[in-house]
N, C-alpha and C. Protein backbone atom coordinates (compact mmCIF):
# COMPACT_ATOMS: atom_id res chain seq x y z
N MET A 1 89.03 106.04 96.93
CA MET A 1 89.02 105.92 98.21
C MET A 1 88.44 105.71 99.14
N LEU A 2 88.78 104.72 100.24
CA LEU A 2 87.97 103.99 101.13
C LEU A 2 87.72 104.67 102.79
N GLY A 3 88.90 105.56 102.34
CA GLY A 3 88.74 106.21 104.09
C GLY A 3 89.93 105.94 105.31
N VAL A 4 89.91 106.51 105.68
CA VAL A 4 91.40 106.29 106.93
C VAL A 4 90.98 104.81 107.63
N ARG A 5 91.76 104.11 107.37
CA ARG A 5 91.77 102.73 107.89
C ARG A 5 92.88 102.27 108.65
N HIS A 6 93.94 103.39 108.72
CA HIS A 6 95.02 102.68 109.32
C HIS A 6 95.85 104.12 109.63
N ILE A 7 96.56 104.26 111.07
CA ILE A 7 97.12 104.65 111.78
C ILE A 7 98.66 104.44 112.50
N ALA A 8 99.77 104.98 112.64
CA ALA A 8 100.63 104.45 112.94
C ALA A 8 101.21 105.54 114.20
N LEU A 9 101.81 105.06 115.38
CA LEU A 9 101.60 105.67 116.78
C LEU A 9 103.21 104.95 116.87
N ARG A 10 103.85 105.86 117.09
CA ARG A 10 105.09 105.73 118.12
C ARG A 10 105.07 105.93 119.50
N VAL A 11 105.50 104.50 120.02
CA VAL A 11 105.24 104.70 121.45
C VAL A 11 106.59 104.28 122.25
N ARG A 12 106.50 104.74 123.40
CA ARG A 12 107.50 104.14 124.36
C ARG A 12 107.97 102.65 124.78
N ASP A 13 106.99 102.42 125.20
CA ASP A 13 106.69 100.81 125.52
C ASP A 13 105.84 100.11 125.03
N ILE A 14 106.63 99.16 123.74
CA ILE A 14 105.41 98.52 122.99
C ILE A 14 105.09 97.52 123.91
N GLU A 15 105.19 97.15 124.78
CA GLU A 15 104.41 96.14 125.68
C GLU A 15 103.39 96.61 126.35
N ARG A 16 103.59 97.85 127.10
CA ARG A 16 102.62 98.47 127.66
C ARG A 16 101.55 99.19 126.98
N SER A 17 101.96 99.38 125.75
CA SER A 17 100.84 100.15 124.71
C SER A 17 100.07 98.54 123.91
N LEU A 18 100.51 97.17 123.80
CA LEU A 18 100.09 96.48 122.99
C LEU A 18 98.89 95.97 124.17
N ASP A 19 99.46 95.88 125.78
CA ASP A 19 98.52 95.40 126.60
C ASP A 19 97.18 96.35 126.29
N PHE A 20 97.41 97.79 126.27
CA PHE A 20 96.60 98.57 126.35
C PHE A 20 95.43 98.69 125.13
N TYR A 21 96.15 98.48 124.20
CA TYR A 21 95.49 98.36 122.90
C TYR A 21 94.46 96.73 122.51
N THR A 22 95.23 95.61 123.39
CA THR A 22 94.34 94.35 123.27
C THR A 22 93.28 94.36 124.33
N ARG A 23 93.84 94.46 125.60
CA ARG A 23 92.81 94.06 126.67
C ARG A 23 91.93 95.11 126.78
N VAL A 24 92.32 96.71 126.77
CA VAL A 24 91.26 97.73 127.23
C VAL A 24 90.53 98.02 125.61
N MET A 25 91.03 97.97 124.62
CA MET A 25 90.27 98.19 123.40
C MET A 25 89.84 97.51 122.78
N LYS A 26 90.31 95.92 122.95
CA LYS A 26 89.99 94.67 122.54
C LYS A 26 90.36 94.93 120.94
N MET A 27 91.50 94.93 120.30
CA MET A 27 92.50 94.84 119.40
C MET A 27 92.66 93.85 119.08
N THR A 28 92.85 93.12 118.05
CA THR A 28 93.66 91.73 118.07
C THR A 28 95.11 92.34 117.09
N VAL A 29 95.90 91.22 117.65
CA VAL A 29 97.27 91.08 116.82
C VAL A 29 97.32 90.77 115.33
N GLU A 30 97.67 91.30 114.39
CA GLU A 30 97.38 91.07 112.82
C GLU A 30 98.93 90.80 112.54
N TRP A 31 99.98 91.12 112.93
CA TRP A 31 101.37 90.82 112.75
C TRP A 31 102.12 91.60 113.51
N ARG A 32 103.20 90.58 113.92
CA ARG A 32 104.28 91.28 114.41
C ARG A 32 105.32 90.93 114.08
N PRO A 33 106.32 91.81 113.27
CA PRO A 33 107.10 91.24 113.02
C PRO A 33 108.02 90.85 113.37
N ASP A 34 108.35 92.24 114.75
CA ASP A 34 109.66 91.87 115.34
C ASP A 34 109.32 92.72 116.85
N ALA A 35 110.33 92.69 117.76
CA ALA A 35 109.84 93.00 119.12
C ALA A 35 109.62 94.79 119.33
N LYS A 36 109.58 95.57 118.36
CA LYS A 36 109.61 96.69 118.56
C LYS A 36 108.40 97.31 117.36
N ASN A 37 107.76 96.45 117.29
CA ASN A 37 106.84 96.84 116.08
C ASN A 37 105.70 95.82 116.23
N VAL A 38 104.35 96.29 116.42
CA VAL A 38 102.90 95.12 116.26
C VAL A 38 101.79 95.80 115.27
N TYR A 39 101.04 95.22 114.66
CA TYR A 39 99.86 95.59 114.02
C TYR A 39 98.92 95.24 114.39
N LEU A 40 98.24 95.90 114.83
CA LEU A 40 96.77 95.47 115.60
C LEU A 40 95.54 96.03 114.57
N THR A 41 94.27 94.91 115.00
CA THR A 41 93.11 95.29 113.95
C THR A 41 91.90 95.02 115.10
N SER A 42 90.67 95.64 114.36
CA SER A 42 89.80 95.78 114.92
C SER A 42 88.90 94.99 114.42
N GLY A 43 89.01 94.76 113.10
CA GLY A 43 88.23 93.93 112.17
C GLY A 43 88.22 94.46 110.67
N ASN A 44 88.37 95.83 110.82
CA ASN A 44 88.49 96.50 109.55
C ASN A 44 89.16 97.67 109.13
N ASP A 45 90.25 97.58 110.22
CA ASP A 45 91.40 98.74 110.37
C ASP A 45 92.85 98.03 110.61
N ASN A 46 93.67 99.38 110.65
CA ASN A 46 95.03 99.08 111.07
C ASN A 46 95.56 99.85 111.96
N LEU A 47 96.20 99.48 113.16
CA LEU A 47 96.64 100.32 114.10
C LEU A 47 98.13 99.93 114.09
N ALA A 48 99.26 100.50 113.85
CA ALA A 48 100.41 99.77 113.92
C ALA A 48 100.97 100.70 114.92
N LEU A 49 101.79 100.13 116.20
CA LEU A 49 102.56 100.47 117.06
C LEU A 49 103.89 100.27 116.91
N HIS A 50 104.68 101.11 116.73
CA HIS A 50 106.11 100.76 116.64
C HIS A 50 107.24 101.80 117.99
N GLU A 51 107.75 101.10 118.87
CA GLU A 51 108.39 101.63 120.04
C GLU A 51 109.68 102.35 119.25
N ILE A 52 109.63 103.63 119.91
CA ILE A 52 111.02 104.62 119.53
C ILE A 52 112.22 104.34 120.17
N ASP A 53 113.51 104.71 119.99
CA ASP A 53 114.44 104.07 120.79
C ASP A 53 115.11 105.51 121.70
N THR A 54 114.60 106.65 120.88
CA THR A 54 114.90 107.85 121.62
C THR A 54 114.29 108.33 122.73
N PRO A 55 114.67 109.30 123.33
CA PRO A 55 113.92 109.57 124.65
C PRO A 55 112.59 110.38 123.89
N TYR A 56 111.61 110.11 124.81
CA TYR A 56 110.67 110.98 124.49
C TYR A 56 110.72 112.29 124.58
N GLN A 57 109.93 112.92 123.82
CA GLN A 57 109.78 114.69 124.08
C GLN A 57 108.44 114.91 123.66
N ALA A 58 107.77 115.38 124.90
CA ALA A 58 106.34 115.56 124.61
C ALA A 58 106.29 117.13 123.46
N PRO A 59 105.42 117.77 122.82
CA PRO A 59 105.25 118.58 122.28
C PRO A 59 105.15 120.14 123.18
N THR A 60 106.07 120.83 122.72
CA THR A 60 106.67 121.87 123.35
C THR A 60 105.16 123.27 123.69
N ALA A 61 104.32 123.17 122.66
CA ALA A 61 102.78 123.82 122.95
C ALA A 61 101.77 123.22 122.81
N ALA A 62 100.81 123.53 123.26
CA ALA A 62 99.32 122.90 123.24
C ALA A 62 98.87 122.61 121.73
N LEU A 63 99.38 123.86 120.99
CA LEU A 63 98.68 124.22 119.63
C LEU A 63 99.43 124.22 118.57
N THR A 64 100.69 122.94 118.86
CA THR A 64 101.58 122.74 117.46
C THR A 64 100.68 121.67 116.39
N PRO A 65 100.83 122.05 114.80
CA PRO A 65 100.46 121.01 114.30
C PRO A 65 101.12 119.74 114.49
N GLY A 66 99.86 119.02 114.04
CA GLY A 66 99.94 117.41 114.19
C GLY A 66 98.70 116.85 115.09
N LEU A 67 98.75 115.51 115.28
CA LEU A 67 97.57 114.51 115.66
C LEU A 67 96.83 115.93 117.02
N ASP A 68 95.65 115.60 116.76
CA ASP A 68 94.88 116.10 118.11
C ASP A 68 94.62 114.89 118.61
N HIS A 69 93.96 114.09 117.93
CA HIS A 69 93.27 112.85 118.29
C HIS A 69 92.52 112.13 117.54
N PHE A 70 92.64 110.42 117.69
CA PHE A 70 91.87 109.38 116.73
C PHE A 70 90.88 108.98 117.21
N GLY A 71 89.98 108.30 116.16
CA GLY A 71 88.75 107.55 117.45
C GLY A 71 88.58 106.38 116.59
N PHE A 72 87.80 105.66 117.59
CA PHE A 72 87.32 104.59 117.42
C PHE A 72 85.75 104.58 117.35
N ILE A 73 84.88 104.02 116.37
CA ILE A 73 83.82 104.06 115.90
C ILE A 73 82.79 103.23 116.74
N VAL A 74 81.76 103.17 117.12
CA VAL A 74 80.76 101.62 117.82
C VAL A 74 79.57 102.48 117.14
N SER A 75 78.66 101.40 117.05
CA SER A 75 77.32 101.02 116.69
C SER A 75 76.26 101.39 117.14
N GLN A 76 76.20 102.01 118.47
CA GLN A 76 75.05 102.71 118.83
C GLN A 76 75.58 103.40 119.96
N PRO A 77 74.62 104.44 120.32
CA PRO A 77 74.81 105.62 121.26
C PRO A 77 75.30 104.87 122.54
N GLU A 78 74.33 104.01 123.03
CA GLU A 78 74.49 103.37 124.48
C GLU A 78 75.80 102.98 124.64
N GLU A 79 76.32 102.28 123.53
CA GLU A 79 78.12 101.74 123.65
C GLU A 79 78.81 102.80 124.24
N VAL A 80 78.65 103.64 123.95
CA VAL A 80 79.76 104.91 124.46
C VAL A 80 79.52 104.72 126.06
N ASP A 81 78.32 105.05 126.50
CA ASP A 81 78.09 105.00 128.06
C ASP A 81 78.89 103.67 128.50
N GLU A 82 78.69 102.22 127.94
CA GLU A 82 79.09 101.33 128.48
C GLU A 82 80.35 101.12 128.30
N TRP A 83 81.38 101.73 127.37
CA TRP A 83 82.44 102.10 127.25
C TRP A 83 83.33 103.12 128.53
N ALA A 84 82.51 104.07 128.46
CA ALA A 84 82.81 104.98 129.93
C ALA A 84 83.23 103.99 130.81
N ARG A 85 81.84 103.50 131.47
CA ARG A 85 81.59 102.72 132.52
C ARG A 85 82.90 101.66 132.57
N ASP A 86 83.35 100.73 131.61
CA ASP A 86 84.51 99.99 131.68
C ASP A 86 85.51 100.85 131.65
N LEU A 87 86.09 101.54 131.02
CA LEU A 87 87.05 102.33 131.11
C LEU A 87 87.38 102.97 132.30
N GLU A 88 86.41 103.43 133.20
CA GLU A 88 86.42 103.96 134.34
C GLU A 88 87.09 102.95 135.69
N SER A 89 86.22 101.78 135.17
CA SER A 89 86.47 100.45 136.41
C SER A 89 87.83 99.84 135.99
N GLN A 90 88.33 100.16 134.90
CA GLN A 90 90.07 99.87 135.01
C GLN A 90 90.91 101.20 135.29
N GLY A 91 90.25 101.82 135.87
CA GLY A 91 91.34 103.24 136.00
C GLY A 91 91.50 104.12 135.14
N ILE A 92 90.82 104.00 134.00
CA ILE A 92 91.48 105.15 132.86
C ILE A 92 90.31 106.37 132.98
N LYS A 93 90.99 107.38 133.29
CA LYS A 93 90.46 108.70 133.53
C LYS A 93 89.77 108.94 132.38
N LEU A 94 88.51 109.37 131.76
CA LEU A 94 87.76 110.21 131.15
C LEU A 94 88.30 111.55 130.81
N VAL A 95 88.55 111.90 129.80
CA VAL A 95 89.23 113.75 129.61
C VAL A 95 87.43 114.20 129.51
N GLN A 96 86.97 113.31 128.78
CA GLN A 96 85.30 113.99 128.59
C GLN A 96 84.54 113.12 128.83
N GLN A 97 83.26 113.22 129.75
CA GLN A 97 82.35 112.17 129.87
C GLN A 97 81.82 111.96 129.00
N PRO A 98 80.67 110.91 128.83
CA PRO A 98 79.57 111.01 127.71
C PRO A 98 79.00 112.03 127.25
N LYS A 99 79.06 112.38 126.26
CA LYS A 99 78.34 113.86 125.61
C LYS A 99 77.87 113.56 124.33
N THR A 100 76.72 114.05 123.97
CA THR A 100 75.88 113.87 123.00
C THR A 100 76.01 115.16 122.14
N HIS A 101 76.55 115.35 120.58
CA HIS A 101 77.10 116.50 120.00
C HIS A 101 75.57 117.01 119.19
N ARG A 102 75.60 118.37 118.60
CA ARG A 102 74.82 118.82 117.83
C ARG A 102 74.26 118.12 116.70
N ASP A 103 75.01 117.32 116.65
CA ASP A 103 75.00 116.17 115.31
C ASP A 103 74.03 115.14 115.57
N ASN A 104 73.96 115.05 116.88
CA ASN A 104 73.30 113.73 117.51
C ASN A 104 74.59 112.40 117.79
N ALA A 105 75.83 112.56 117.54
CA ALA A 105 76.84 112.21 117.54
C ALA A 105 76.88 112.01 119.40
N ARG A 106 77.79 110.91 119.66
CA ARG A 106 78.08 110.62 121.26
C ARG A 106 79.51 109.97 121.25
N SER A 107 80.17 110.30 122.46
CA SER A 107 81.79 110.17 122.30
C SER A 107 82.11 110.38 123.70
N ILE A 108 83.09 109.93 123.80
CA ILE A 108 84.03 110.27 125.33
C ILE A 108 85.52 110.45 124.75
N TYR A 109 86.36 110.90 125.42
CA TYR A 109 87.54 111.05 125.12
C TYR A 109 88.49 110.48 126.37
N PHE A 110 89.55 110.15 126.27
CA PHE A 110 90.51 109.45 126.98
C PHE A 110 91.75 109.42 126.57
N HIS A 111 92.99 108.66 127.17
CA HIS A 111 94.41 109.00 126.77
C HIS A 111 94.67 107.31 127.01
N ASP A 112 95.93 107.29 125.95
CA ASP A 112 96.53 106.08 125.82
C ASP A 112 97.87 106.18 127.12
N PRO A 113 98.30 104.93 127.00
CA PRO A 113 99.69 105.11 127.83
C PRO A 113 100.86 106.17 127.35
N ASP A 114 100.87 106.63 126.28
CA ASP A 114 101.39 107.44 125.91
C ASP A 114 101.06 108.85 125.78
N GLY A 115 99.79 109.18 126.18
CA GLY A 115 99.20 110.31 125.99
C GLY A 115 98.53 110.51 124.91
N ASN A 116 98.28 109.88 123.82
CA ASN A 116 97.38 110.19 122.71
C ASN A 116 95.76 109.96 123.25
N LEU A 117 95.21 111.11 122.74
CA LEU A 117 94.12 111.13 123.20
C LEU A 117 93.26 110.70 121.89
N ILE A 118 92.56 109.80 122.73
CA ILE A 118 91.36 108.83 121.82
C ILE A 118 89.85 109.22 122.00
N GLN A 119 89.21 109.03 120.99
CA GLN A 119 87.79 109.52 121.00
C GLN A 119 87.25 108.13 120.97
N LEU A 120 86.21 107.67 121.50
CA LEU A 120 85.36 106.57 121.06
C LEU A 120 84.07 107.29 120.77
N LEU A 121 83.22 106.86 119.58
CA LEU A 121 82.34 107.76 119.04
C LEU A 121 81.36 107.03 118.55
N TYR A 122 80.06 107.32 118.43
CA TYR A 122 78.73 106.79 117.82
C TYR A 122 78.80 107.93 116.90
N HIS A 123 78.81 107.68 115.42
CA HIS A 123 78.74 108.83 114.57
C HIS A 123 77.79 108.38 113.55
N PRO A 124 76.60 109.18 113.77
CA PRO A 124 74.99 108.41 112.66
C PRO A 124 75.80 108.03 111.37
N PRO A 125 75.84 109.20 110.72
CA PRO A 125 76.67 108.70 109.15
C PRO A 125 77.11 107.29 108.88
N ILE A 126 78.09 107.01 109.73
CA ILE A 126 79.26 105.83 109.64
C ILE A 126 78.94 104.79 110.28
N SER A 127 77.97 105.10 111.71
CA SER A 127 78.19 104.04 112.77
C SER A 127 77.57 102.98 112.05
């Protein structure tokens, strides 16, 4: 196994999410089979966005099983701070300011347009 390289997200507005992940997260479109589905990449991964037709329902409890967050890796700890400044300059609120963890990882957290929590992370073993 080579690790996690693919995530599929249900989104409410495909165009809004596509704009966020291409403009803000700097991903590129790999494949768009139809108007409600798009596959993105940053080079060695795959993020699928699938527009849902049913009304969105937020989880009823904060600690229900399921996705907590997902992360994007950067190669240097300084990049976390650069991303933080760039995101804030675009009006994206950080959930957590740049922080160095006990294992010398450094990260920030913020939300995508559908409320998915994203971690941008420098992680020494894999960065």
